[in-house]
């Protein structure tokens, strides 16, 4: 009985924020010396990170397949994180994984690097 009752009042799992390119640019511009600094986490492979689309300046490249081994260190840094990939599929999976290990300030770049490049 208690188990069934507790399920009714369990909080839903938190969802990551979704940022469009303009919102991410505003957040990057707002990072000042007093803020903890936004961590742009690019979860594409190294070949994509250094490929034709390039990457967002200052981004940390941790391919999605390697995130499990590094998620605790990323969470321990205590910085807000924006996950990026080519579109937004892998980055959404990465955000869910980070939130599952306790990180709360996690966002996904809507449209990924394709949207970033299209926006100029």
Protein backbone atom coordinates (compact mmCIF):
# COMPACT_ATOMS: atom_id res chain seq x y z
CA UNK A 1 0.00 0.00 0.00
CA UNK A 2 2.72 2.46 0.99
CA UNK A 3 4.64 1.74 -2.22
CA UNK A 4 1.62 2.46 -4.41
CA UNK A 5 0.83 5.59 -2.40
CA UNK A 6 4.38 6.93 -2.68
CA UNK A 7 4.29 6.52 -6.48
CA UNK A 8 1.32 8.88 -6.65
CA UNK A 9 3.28 11.66 -4.99
CA UNK A 10 6.68 11.04 -6.51
CA UNK A 11 8.11 14.06 -8.24
CA UNK A 12 8.52 13.66 -11.97
CA UNK A 13 12.07 13.45 -13.22
CA UNK A 14 13.41 16.91 -14.03
CA UNK A 15 13.64 17.85 -17.68
CA UNK A 16 16.52 19.77 -19.25
CA UNK A 17 15.94 23.25 -20.59
CA UNK A 18 15.90 23.71 -24.34
CA UNK A 19 17.79 26.76 -25.58
CA UNK A 20 17.64 28.20 -29.06
CA UNK A 21 20.76 29.77 -30.54
CA UNK A 22 19.81 33.31 -29.53
CA UNK A 23 19.22 32.26 -25.90
CA UNK A 24 22.57 30.46 -25.78
CA UNK A 25 24.35 33.51 -27.21
CA UNK A 26 22.71 35.68 -24.50
CA UNK A 27 23.81 33.24 -21.79
CA UNK A 28 27.35 33.16 -23.14
CA UNK A 29 27.45 36.96 -23.27
CA UNK A 30 26.14 37.14 -19.69
CA UNK A 31 28.93 34.98 -18.26
CA UNK A 32 31.09 37.39 -16.36
CA UNK A 33 33.96 37.07 -13.91
CA UNK A 34 31.57 36.57 -10.97
CA UNK A 35 29.58 33.73 -12.58
CA UNK A 36 30.65 30.08 -12.41
CA UNK A 37 30.85 29.97 -16.20
CA UNK A 38 28.73 28.03 -18.59
CA UNK A 39 30.13 24.69 -19.72
CA UNK A 40 29.38 23.90 -23.36
CA UNK A 41 29.55 20.11 -23.56
CA UNK A 42 29.85 18.88 -27.14
CA UNK A 43 28.97 15.18 -27.22
CA UNK A 44 29.86 14.54 -30.86
CA UNK A 45 32.83 12.42 -31.84
CA UNK A 46 36.25 14.06 -32.16
CA UNK A 47 36.02 13.86 -35.97
CA UNK A 48 32.77 15.88 -35.91
CA UNK A 49 34.08 18.30 -33.27
CA UNK A 50 37.08 19.16 -35.49
CA UNK A 51 35.12 18.69 -38.74
CA UNK A 52 33.56 21.18 -41.19
CA UNK A 53 30.90 22.49 -38.77
CA UNK A 54 33.55 23.09 -36.15
CA UNK A 55 32.52 23.69 -32.56
CA UNK A 56 31.49 26.47 -30.22
CA UNK A 57 34.53 28.30 -28.87
CA UNK A 58 35.57 26.95 -25.48
CA UNK A 59 33.43 23.79 -25.76
CA UNK A 60 34.55 20.61 -24.02
CA UNK A 61 34.41 17.56 -26.30
CA UNK A 62 33.23 14.41 -24.52
CA UNK A 63 31.68 11.95 -26.99
CA UNK A 64 28.39 10.55 -25.74
CA UNK A 65 29.87 7.04 -25.51
CA UNK A 66 32.48 8.36 -23.03
CA UNK A 67 30.16 10.52 -20.94
CA UNK A 68 29.49 7.83 -18.33
CA UNK A 69 33.15 7.78 -17.35
CA UNK A 70 33.30 11.58 -16.99
CA UNK A 71 29.83 12.56 -15.79
CA UNK A 72 30.74 12.65 -12.09
CA UNK A 73 33.64 15.04 -12.75
CA UNK A 74 31.38 17.24 -14.87
CA UNK A 75 28.73 17.28 -12.14
CA UNK A 76 31.34 17.97 -9.44
CA UNK A 77 32.48 21.12 -11.28
CA UNK A 78 29.16 22.72 -10.30
CA UNK A 79 28.81 24.65 -13.55
CA UNK A 80 25.66 25.04 -15.62
CA UNK A 81 25.93 22.79 -18.68
CA UNK A 82 24.62 23.16 -22.22
CA UNK A 83 24.82 19.95 -24.24
CA UNK A 84 25.47 20.20 -27.98
CA UNK A 85 25.63 17.70 -30.85
CA UNK A 86 24.94 17.83 -34.59
CA UNK A 87 21.16 18.23 -34.23
CA UNK A 88 19.92 17.72 -30.66
CA UNK A 89 19.32 13.98 -30.30
CA UNK A 90 22.60 12.90 -28.68
CA UNK A 91 22.74 16.08 -26.62
CA UNK A 92 19.24 15.39 -25.24
CA UNK A 93 20.42 11.89 -24.22
CA UNK A 94 23.52 13.42 -22.61
CA UNK A 95 21.42 15.95 -20.70
CA UNK A 96 19.16 13.19 -19.37
CA UNK A 97 22.20 11.20 -18.30
CA UNK A 98 23.72 14.20 -16.47
CA UNK A 99 20.44 14.97 -14.75
CA UNK A 100 20.24 11.32 -13.71
CA UNK A 101 23.51 11.70 -11.81
CA UNK A 102 22.22 14.75 -9.94
CA UNK A 103 23.07 17.75 -12.10
CA UNK A 104 20.14 20.18 -12.26
CA UNK A 105 21.25 23.14 -14.39
CA UNK A 106 21.39 21.34 -17.74
CA UNK A 107 20.20 22.56 -21.12
CA UNK A 108 20.20 21.32 -24.72
CA UNK A 109 20.95 23.49 -27.75
CA UNK A 110 17.86 23.18 -29.94
CA UNK A 111 18.95 22.20 -33.44
CA UNK A 112 22.56 21.64 -32.35
CA UNK A 113 25.56 22.76 -34.36
CA UNK A 114 23.48 22.84 -37.53
CA UNK A 115 21.30 25.59 -36.02
CA UNK A 116 24.36 27.34 -34.54
CA UNK A 117 26.04 27.55 -37.95
CA UNK A 118 22.85 28.50 -39.78
CA UNK A 119 22.40 31.40 -37.37
CA UNK A 120 25.89 32.68 -38.25
